[in-house]
Amino acid sequence: MLLGDRFPMIGAHKVLPAYAALIEQLVTGRFDPSKQKAVWPSTGNYCRGGVAVSRILGCRGVAVLPEGMSRERFEWLEKWVTDPGDIIRTPGTESNVKEIYDKCAELSRDDSNVILNQFSSFSNYLIHYECTGRAAEDAFKAFNQDDNHELAAFVSATGSSGTIAAGDFLKRRWGSKVVAVEALECPTMLNNGYGEHNIQGIGDKHIPLIHNVMNLDFVVGVSDRTTDQLNLLFGTRAGRDYLETRRGLEPALVRAFDHIGISGLANIIASIKLARQMNYGPEKAIVTVATDSASMYGSERRQFEESHYARGLDQVNAAEIFGACLLGAASDNVVELTEHSRRAVFNLGYYTWVEQQGVSVADFERRRSQSFWSKIQDSLGEWDQLTIEFNKEANLANA
């Protein structure tokens, strides 16, 4: 598991795509930080990354996110924005992405606002393909020093579909599977479904423009009931006592779950479900990621405990959670995609991007071909050169 809380400023790897999106706008001359504001539509961590890199650049960053996200996210934003009005709360919770788009459409009517949409910015795909993909490869190589393991799969909740681009990198180099995770309460890919859930950070009810759906191998559904319970099990004293005393887990291992937020827990459960469905043995390795840490979800943990365990979590409750969520994790809602089902998921994106967001049918259709994605994957050198040239010009101007 790659730990996103090692990244600076925000304690989440979403600072990476935010940086990439801003660089793309700067080096192509589409953003003037002295006059314009960078608007960051997000379900939590991307907008924090955007506000952080905006502040470093010395421009205003505007966070747009659902009002139902964790209190910790808003507390962080309140400390980093230059103006309280730069935090815009949209209706709903995790799965209300269209409401974010609607607010951004309103903001875009003002030329001083530049929308950096992670769901449609291919810099998000490219930076994760190259950087997160290589990090995942390095982690696997370090683990596989005895050369006795096979890289079986990369598992990632989709969100904006940036992180899952690392799966394309690994598949290209190792032949591993690409596995998307979504909330069972909002089974968009599994069942063209809808709903609300609390696996924060993975936004849904649509297919992001930058999702390479035609290269996807599996979709796995995980219930937010499971992740809320595991957040409680690994984040409370009673839960940790049970894990250490009754299950014999090393305290250092239990403490390591401080680095894993709710979506990371969802990725762990999805990995277990995939392994059981595919009957993976110990020679198979699955790589996954924790975008952020448990520190972002203390308020969610307390709220869940108060509403479900009025007397507080005890050892019996901890044992029930461990049995139901970990030992009892089954291979239900694990779907291996066929060419037909990939096309069905791909086509679902039409309604968001063509009908609602104005993408041309031709541009939408180009994404079916892997040659389209290969060109993006191979374009990193061009962006690096543009960045070098931009820095030279900026240094000359400053001189």
Protein backbone atom coordinates (compact mmCIF):
# COMPACT_ATOMS: atom_id res chain seq x y z
CA MET A 1 0.00 0.00 0.00
CA LEU A 2 1.33 3.39 -1.07
CA LEU A 3 0.83 5.99 1.67
CA GLY A 4 -0.37 9.34 0.40
CA ASP A 5 0.05 11.10 3.74
CA ARG A 6 3.79 11.28 3.07
CA PHE A 7 3.14 14.14 0.64
CA PRO A 8 3.84 17.65 1.97
CA MET A 9 1.41 20.40 3.00
CA ILE A 10 -1.85 18.45 2.77
CA GLY A 11 -0.88 14.93 3.87
CA ALA A 12 -2.42 13.42 0.73
CA HIS A 13 -1.12 12.61 -2.72
CA LYS A 14 -3.73 14.86 -4.37
CA VAL A 15 -1.16 17.65 -4.18
CA LEU A 16 0.42 15.84 -7.15
CA PRO A 17 -2.42 16.26 -9.72
CA ALA A 18 -3.10 19.76 -8.44
CA TYR A 19 0.50 20.69 -9.22
CA ALA A 20 0.24 19.06 -12.66
CA ALA A 21 -3.00 20.85 -13.52
CA LEU A 22 -1.58 24.23 -12.57
CA ILE A 23 1.66 23.64 -14.49
CA GLU A 24 -0.37 22.72 -17.59
CA GLN A 25 -2.24 26.01 -17.43
CA LEU A 26 0.87 28.09 -16.71
CA VAL A 27 3.16 26.78 -19.44
CA THR A 28 0.45 27.07 -22.10
CA GLY A 29 -0.35 30.65 -21.14
CA ARG A 30 -3.92 29.96 -20.05
CA PHE A 31 -3.52 31.17 -16.46
CA ASP A 32 -2.19 34.47 -15.16
CA PRO A 33 -1.55 34.10 -11.42
CA SER A 34 -1.27 37.87 -10.99
CA LYS A 35 -4.84 38.46 -12.17
CA GLN A 36 -6.80 35.21 -12.07
CA LYS A 37 -8.01 32.79 -9.41
CA ALA A 38 -7.50 29.03 -9.64
CA VAL A 39 -10.75 27.18 -8.95
CA TRP A 40 -10.40 23.61 -7.68
CA PRO A 41 -13.54 21.40 -7.94
CA SER A 42 -13.16 18.43 -5.63
CA THR A 43 -14.66 16.03 -3.12
CA GLY A 44 -12.01 16.96 -0.58
CA ASN A 45 -8.31 16.37 -1.11
CA TYR A 46 -7.71 17.74 -4.62
CA CYS A 47 -9.02 21.15 -3.64
CA ARG A 48 -6.73 21.13 -0.61
CA GLY A 49 -3.80 20.35 -2.89
CA GLY A 50 -4.92 23.11 -5.24
CA VAL A 51 -5.19 25.69 -2.48
CA ALA A 52 -1.72 24.70 -1.23
CA VAL A 53 0.04 25.03 -4.59
CA SER A 54 -1.90 28.24 -5.32
CA ARG A 55 -0.66 29.76 -2.09
CA ILE A 56 2.94 28.82 -2.90
CA LEU A 57 2.55 30.46 -6.30
CA GLY A 58 1.13 33.57 -4.67
CA CYS A 59 -2.30 33.48 -6.32
CA ARG A 60 -5.77 32.89 -4.94
CA GLY A 61 -7.04 29.33 -4.88
CA VAL A 62 -10.78 28.65 -4.58
CA ALA A 63 -11.97 25.31 -3.17
CA VAL A 64 -15.31 23.94 -4.39
CA LEU A 65 -16.50 20.88 -2.48
CA PRO A 66 -19.69 19.32 -1.03
CA GLU A 67 -20.87 20.72 2.28
CA GLY A 68 -21.19 17.21 3.73
CA MET A 69 -17.48 16.39 3.65
CA SER A 70 -15.55 15.78 6.89
CA ARG A 71 -15.08 18.68 9.29
CA GLU A 72 -11.30 18.19 9.18
CA ARG A 73 -11.20 19.12 5.50
CA PHE A 74 -12.92 22.43 6.11
CA GLU A 75 -10.74 23.19 9.13
CA TRP A 76 -7.65 22.68 7.00
CA LEU A 77 -9.02 24.90 4.21
CA GLU A 78 -9.92 27.67 6.66
CA LYS A 79 -6.25 27.89 7.67
CA TRP A 80 -4.90 27.96 4.11
CA VAL A 81 -7.21 30.12 1.99
CA THR A 82 -6.48 33.82 1.69
CA ASP A 83 -10.18 34.73 1.99
CA PRO A 84 -12.97 32.77 3.75
CA GLY A 85 -15.09 33.29 0.63
CA ASP A 86 -12.65 31.08 -1.28
CA ILE A 87 -14.27 28.01 0.30
CA ILE A 88 -17.45 27.24 -1.64
CA ARG A 89 -19.74 24.55 -0.24
CA THR A 90 -22.01 22.83 -2.74
CA PRO A 91 -25.15 20.83 -1.83
CA GLY A 92 -24.87 17.18 -0.86
CA THR A 93 -22.10 14.81 0.03
CA GLU A 94 -19.59 12.52 -1.62
CA SER A 95 -21.57 11.51 -4.67
CA ASN A 96 -22.96 14.95 -5.58
CA VAL A 97 -20.38 15.76 -8.26
CA LYS A 98 -22.80 17.35 -10.73
CA GLU A 99 -23.57 20.05 -8.18
CA ILE A 100 -19.84 20.86 -8.16
CA TYR A 101 -19.84 21.10 -11.95
CA ASP A 102 -22.87 23.40 -11.88
CA LYS A 103 -21.14 25.76 -9.45
CA CYS A 104 -17.98 25.77 -11.59
CA ALA A 105 -20.06 26.58 -14.69
CA GLU A 106 -21.42 29.58 -12.81
CA LEU A 107 -17.94 30.66 -11.68
CA SER A 108 -16.48 30.27 -15.19
CA ARG A 109 -18.66 33.11 -16.48
CA ASP A 110 -16.20 35.41 -14.72
CA ASP A 111 -12.95 35.54 -16.73
CA SER A 112 -10.97 36.00 -13.54
CA ASN A 113 -11.77 32.40 -12.58
CA VAL A 114 -9.89 29.51 -14.20
CA ILE A 115 -11.45 26.09 -13.55
CA LEU A 116 -8.92 23.29 -13.05
CA ASN A 117 -11.23 20.30 -13.27
CA GLN A 118 -9.50 17.13 -12.12
CA PHE A 119 -12.25 14.98 -13.66
CA SER A 120 -11.46 16.20 -17.19
CA SER A 121 -7.82 17.35 -16.98
CA PHE A 122 -5.56 14.81 -18.70
CA SER A 123 -2.60 16.19 -16.74
CA ASN A 124 -4.22 14.39 -13.79
CA TYR A 125 -4.08 11.13 -15.73
CA LEU A 126 -0.51 11.71 -16.95
CA ILE A 127 1.03 12.66 -13.60
CA HIS A 128 -0.43 9.59 -11.90
CA TYR A 129 0.50 7.34 -14.81
CA GLU A 130 4.11 8.45 -14.62
CA CYS A 131 4.70 9.27 -10.94
CA THR A 132 2.25 7.08 -9.03
CA GLY A 133 2.83 4.27 -11.52
CA ARG A 134 6.59 4.37 -11.01
CA ALA A 135 6.17 4.62 -7.25
CA ALA A 136 3.95 1.53 -7.31
CA GLU A 137 6.51 -0.29 -9.44
CA ASP A 138 9.34 0.66 -7.08
CA ALA A 139 7.33 -0.51 -4.08
CA PHE A 140 6.63 -3.85 -5.73
CA LYS A 141 10.28 -4.31 -6.69
CA ALA A 142 11.38 -3.59 -3.11
CA PHE A 143 8.84 -6.13 -1.85
CA ASN A 144 9.78 -8.69 -4.49
CA GLN A 145 13.52 -8.86 -3.91
CA ASP A 146 13.35 -12.65 -3.77
CA ASP A 147 11.67 -12.58 -7.22
CA ASN A 148 9.03 -15.04 -6.05
CA HIS A 149 5.98 -12.85 -6.57
CA GLU A 150 3.84 -11.83 -9.51
CA LEU A 151 2.30 -8.37 -9.74
CA ALA A 152 -1.33 -9.38 -10.11
CA ALA A 153 -3.32 -6.15 -9.87
CA PHE A 154 -3.47 -2.47 -9.07
CA VAL A 155 -6.57 -1.60 -7.02
CA SER A 156 -7.88 1.96 -6.71
CA ALA A 157 -11.11 3.74 -5.90
CA THR A 158 -11.89 5.78 -8.99
CA GLY A 159 -12.70 9.29 -7.76
CA SER A 160 -11.50 11.54 -10.57
CA SER A 161 -9.81 8.48 -12.17
CA GLY A 162 -6.37 10.05 -11.86
CA THR A 163 -4.80 7.59 -9.43
CA ILE A 164 -6.06 4.56 -11.33
CA ALA A 165 -3.88 5.66 -14.27
CA ALA A 166 -1.04 4.03 -12.32
CA GLY A 167 -2.79 0.76 -13.12
CA ASP A 168 -2.33 1.49 -16.84
CA PHE A 169 1.39 2.02 -16.23
CA LEU A 170 1.73 -1.29 -14.37
CA LYS A 171 -0.39 -3.16 -16.91
CA ARG A 172 1.76 -1.88 -19.76
CA ARG A 173 4.99 -2.97 -18.03
CA TRP A 174 3.92 -5.99 -15.95
CA GLY A 175 0.68 -7.25 -17.49
CA SER A 176 -1.20 -6.75 -14.20
CA LYS A 177 -4.94 -6.14 -13.90
CA VAL A 178 -6.55 -2.73 -13.41
CA VAL A 179 -9.24 -2.78 -10.72
CA ALA A 180 -11.67 0.07 -9.98
CA VAL A 181 -13.39 0.41 -6.60
CA GLU A 182 -16.68 2.16 -5.96
CA ALA A 183 -19.18 2.45 -3.14
CA LEU A 184 -21.82 -0.24 -3.12
CA GLU A 185 -24.33 2.42 -2.12
CA CYS A 186 -23.68 4.21 -5.41
CA PRO A 187 -22.86 1.43 -7.94
CA THR A 188 -22.31 3.56 -11.04
CA MET A 189 -20.07 1.12 -12.94
CA LEU A 190 -21.47 -2.02 -11.36
CA ASN A 191 -25.11 -1.29 -12.08
CA ASN A 192 -25.49 2.18 -13.64
CA GLY A 193 -26.69 3.00 -10.15
CA TYR A 194 -26.89 6.07 -7.95
CA GLY A 195 -27.10 7.00 -4.29
CA GLU A 196 -25.14 8.54 -1.43
CA HIS A 197 -22.29 7.12 0.64
CA ASN A 198 -19.51 8.06 3.04
CA ILE A 199 -16.35 6.69 1.40
CA GLN A 200 -15.06 10.23 1.16
CA GLY A 201 -12.79 11.28 -1.69
CA ILE A 202 -14.00 8.95 -4.43
CA GLY A 203 -16.88 11.01 -6.01
CA ASP A 204 -19.20 9.19 -8.37
CA LYS A 205 -22.57 9.03 -10.18
CA HIS A 206 -20.61 9.70 -13.37
CA ILE A 207 -17.64 8.40 -15.37
CA PRO A 208 -14.73 10.90 -15.41
CA LEU A 209 -13.52 12.00 -18.84
CA ILE A 210 -9.97 10.92 -17.97
CA HIS A 211 -10.92 7.35 -17.02
CA ASN A 212 -9.43 4.85 -19.48
CA VAL A 213 -12.44 2.59 -19.15
CA MET A 214 -11.55 0.37 -22.11
CA ASN A 215 -8.41 -0.78 -20.27
CA LEU A 216 -10.29 -1.67 -17.08
CA ASP A 217 -10.39 -5.32 -15.95
CA PHE A 218 -12.49 -5.43 -12.76
CA VAL A 219 -14.95 -3.35 -10.79
CA VAL A 220 -15.37 -4.04 -7.06
CA GLY A 221 -18.12 -2.66 -4.85
CA VAL A 222 -17.44 -1.91 -1.16
CA SER A 223 -20.04 -0.74 1.34
CA ASP A 224 -19.47 2.43 3.32
CA ARG A 225 -20.84 0.54 6.31
CA THR A 226 -17.69 -1.59 6.14
CA THR A 227 -15.30 1.34 5.87
CA ASP A 228 -17.03 3.26 8.67
CA GLN A 229 -16.75 0.21 10.92
CA LEU A 230 -13.08 -0.35 10.09
CA ASN A 231 -12.35 3.34 10.68
CA LEU A 232 -13.73 2.75 14.16
CA LEU A 233 -11.93 -0.57 14.71
CA PHE A 234 -8.48 0.76 13.79
CA GLY A 235 -8.97 4.24 15.21
CA THR A 236 -10.18 3.59 18.78
CA ARG A 237 -8.41 2.28 21.86
CA ALA A 238 -10.92 -0.55 22.32
CA GLY A 239 -10.52 -1.64 18.72
CA ARG A 240 -6.74 -1.56 18.88
CA ASP A 241 -6.68 -3.44 22.17
CA TYR A 242 -8.73 -6.20 20.57
CA LEU A 243 -6.46 -6.39 17.53
CA GLU A 244 -3.32 -6.58 19.66
CA THR A 245 -4.48 -8.79 22.55
CA ARG A 246 -7.01 -11.09 20.89
CA ARG A 247 -5.69 -11.19 17.32
CA GLY A 248 -2.01 -10.95 18.16
CA LEU A 249 -1.23 -8.15 15.74
CA GLU A 250 1.98 -6.24 16.36
CA PRO A 251 1.31 -2.78 17.86
CA ALA A 252 3.44 -1.19 15.12
CA LEU A 253 1.22 -2.75 12.46
CA VAL A 254 -1.93 -1.54 14.17
CA ARG A 255 -0.46 1.97 14.52
CA ALA A 256 0.33 1.95 10.81
CA PHE A 257 -3.39 2.33 10.16
CA ASP A 258 -2.99 5.95 11.27
CA HIS A 259 -1.76 6.43 7.70
CA ILE A 260 -4.91 5.05 6.10
CA GLY A 261 -8.11 7.02 5.55
CA ILE A 262 -11.57 5.81 4.63
CA SER A 263 -10.92 5.36 0.90
CA GLY A 264 -7.71 3.49 1.74
CA LEU A 265 -9.74 1.09 3.88
CA ALA A 266 -12.09 0.63 0.92
CA ASN A 267 -9.10 -0.25 -1.27
CA ILE A 268 -7.92 -2.83 1.27
CA ILE A 269 -11.31 -4.51 1.40
CA ALA A 270 -11.58 -4.46 -2.40
CA SER A 271 -8.14 -6.09 -2.62
CA ILE A 272 -9.25 -8.86 -0.26
CA LYS A 273 -12.44 -9.40 -2.25
CA LEU A 274 -10.49 -9.54 -5.51
CA ALA A 275 -7.98 -12.01 -4.07
CA ARG A 276 -10.76 -14.30 -2.87
CA GLN A 277 -12.66 -14.07 -6.15
CA MET A 278 -9.55 -14.90 -8.18
CA ASN A 279 -8.22 -17.42 -5.65
CA TYR A 280 -4.89 -15.61 -5.47
CA GLY A 281 -2.22 -17.41 -3.48
CA PRO A 282 0.71 -15.93 -1.55
CA GLU A 283 2.78 -15.60 -4.71
CA LYS A 284 0.40 -12.91 -6.05
CA ALA A 285 0.92 -9.28 -5.09
CA ILE A 286 -1.71 -6.55 -5.18
CA VAL A 287 -0.66 -2.90 -5.08
CA THR A 288 -3.08 -0.29 -3.79
CA VAL A 289 -3.01 3.19 -2.28
CA ALA A 290 -4.19 5.21 0.71
CA THR A 291 -4.82 8.71 -0.63
CA ASP A 292 -4.91 10.31 2.81
CA SER A 293 -4.67 9.38 6.49
CA ALA A 294 -7.06 8.59 9.33
CA SER A 295 -6.47 12.08 10.74
CA MET A 296 -8.97 13.42 8.18
CA TYR A 297 -11.80 11.33 9.63
CA GLY A 298 -11.75 11.70 13.40
CA SER A 299 -15.08 13.53 13.36
CA GLU A 300 -16.60 10.85 11.12
CA ARG A 301 -15.34 8.17 13.52
CA ARG A 302 -16.86 9.86 16.56
CA GLN A 303 -20.16 10.45 14.80
CA PHE A 304 -20.39 6.82 13.69
CA GLU A 305 -19.57 5.54 17.20
CA GLU A 306 -22.14 7.80 18.82
CA SER A 307 -24.89 6.75 16.41
CA HIS A 308 -24.18 2.98 16.44
CA TYR A 309 -22.52 2.26 19.79
CA ALA A 310 -24.18 4.45 22.39
CA ARG A 311 -22.02 3.06 25.22
CA GLY A 312 -18.86 3.21 23.16
CA LEU A 313 -17.08 0.45 21.26
CA ASP A 314 -16.11 -2.54 23.41
CA GLN A 315 -14.19 -5.77 22.80
CA VAL A 316 -17.30 -7.67 21.72
CA ASN A 317 -18.17 -4.97 19.18
CA ALA A 318 -14.59 -4.98 17.91
CA ALA A 319 -14.71 -8.75 17.44
CA GLU A 320 -17.97 -8.45 15.51
CA ILE A 321 -16.47 -5.83 13.18
CA PHE A 322 -13.31 -7.87 12.65
CA GLY A 323 -15.34 -10.97 11.84
CA ALA A 324 -17.85 -9.30 9.55
CA CYS A 325 -15.60 -6.87 7.69
CA LEU A 326 -12.28 -8.71 7.44
CA LEU A 327 -12.70 -12.44 8.04
CA GLY A 328 -16.11 -12.34 6.42
CA ALA A 329 -15.16 -10.22 3.41
CA ALA A 330 -16.61 -12.18 0.49
CA SER A 331 -16.17 -12.02 -3.25
CA ASP A 332 -19.60 -10.51 -3.85
CA ASN A 333 -19.85 -7.46 -6.10
CA VAL A 334 -16.59 -8.32 -7.87
CA VAL A 335 -17.21 -8.10 -11.60
CA GLU A 336 -14.70 -9.00 -14.30
CA LEU A 337 -15.42 -6.80 -17.28
CA THR A 338 -15.96 -8.08 -20.80
CA GLU A 339 -15.63 -6.02 -23.96
CA HIS A 340 -19.39 -5.57 -23.90
CA SER A 341 -19.51 -4.38 -20.28
CA ARG A 342 -16.57 -2.01 -20.85
CA ARG A 343 -18.48 -0.40 -23.69
CA ALA A 344 -21.53 -0.03 -21.46
CA VAL A 345 -19.49 1.77 -18.78
CA PHE A 346 -17.75 3.92 -21.40
CA ASN A 347 -21.07 4.92 -22.99
CA LEU A 348 -22.43 6.01 -19.62
CA GLY A 349 -19.97 8.91 -19.69
CA TYR A 350 -21.75 10.40 -22.71
CA TYR A 351 -24.51 11.89 -20.59
CA THR A 352 -22.11 13.85 -18.40
CA TRP A 353 -19.52 14.97 -20.91
CA VAL A 354 -21.40 15.44 -24.18
CA GLU A 355 -24.90 16.34 -23.03
CA GLN A 356 -24.02 18.29 -19.87
CA GLN A 357 -20.44 19.55 -20.27
CA GLY A 358 -20.33 20.21 -24.01
CA VAL A 359 -17.53 17.86 -25.08
CA SER A 360 -17.83 17.04 -28.77
CA VAL A 361 -18.88 13.53 -29.74
CA ALA A 362 -15.66 13.14 -31.74
CA ASP A 363 -13.47 14.03 -28.74
CA PHE A 364 -15.53 11.78 -26.50
CA GLU A 365 -15.23 8.83 -28.91
CA ARG A 366 -11.46 9.19 -29.41
CA ARG A 367 -10.99 7.91 -25.87
CA ARG A 368 -12.15 4.41 -26.81
CA SER A 369 -8.82 3.65 -28.53
CA GLN A 370 -5.73 2.74 -26.53
CA SER A 371 -3.67 4.71 -29.06
CA PHE A 372 -5.28 7.87 -27.64
CA TRP A 373 -4.04 7.00 -24.15
CA SER A 374 -0.62 5.92 -25.42
CA LYS A 375 -0.10 9.38 -26.90
CA ILE A 376 -0.88 10.95 -23.53
CA GLN A 377 1.42 8.50 -21.75
CA ASP A 378 4.27 9.31 -24.14
CA SER A 379 3.82 13.11 -23.94
CA LEU A 380 5.63 13.68 -20.64
CA GLY A 381 8.86 14.81 -22.32
CA GLU A 382 6.99 17.52 -24.21
CA TRP A 383 5.47 18.89 -20.99
CA ASP A 384 8.86 18.78 -19.29
CA GLN A 385 10.35 20.81 -22.15
CA LEU A 386 7.54 23.37 -21.96
CA THR A 387 8.15 23.68 -18.23
CA ILE A 388 11.90 24.19 -18.72
CA GLU A 389 11.27 26.89 -21.32
CA PHE A 390 8.68 28.57 -19.09
CA ASN A 391 11.11 28.65 -16.15
CA LYS A 392 13.84 30.18 -18.34
CA GLU A 393 11.50 32.91 -19.51
CA ALA A 394 10.31 33.59 -15.96
CA ASN A 395 13.90 33.82 -14.69
CA LEU A 396 14.85 36.23 -17.47
CA ALA A 397 11.81 38.36 -16.71
CA ASN A 398 12.68 38.44 -13.02
CA ALA A 399 16.29 39.31 -13.80
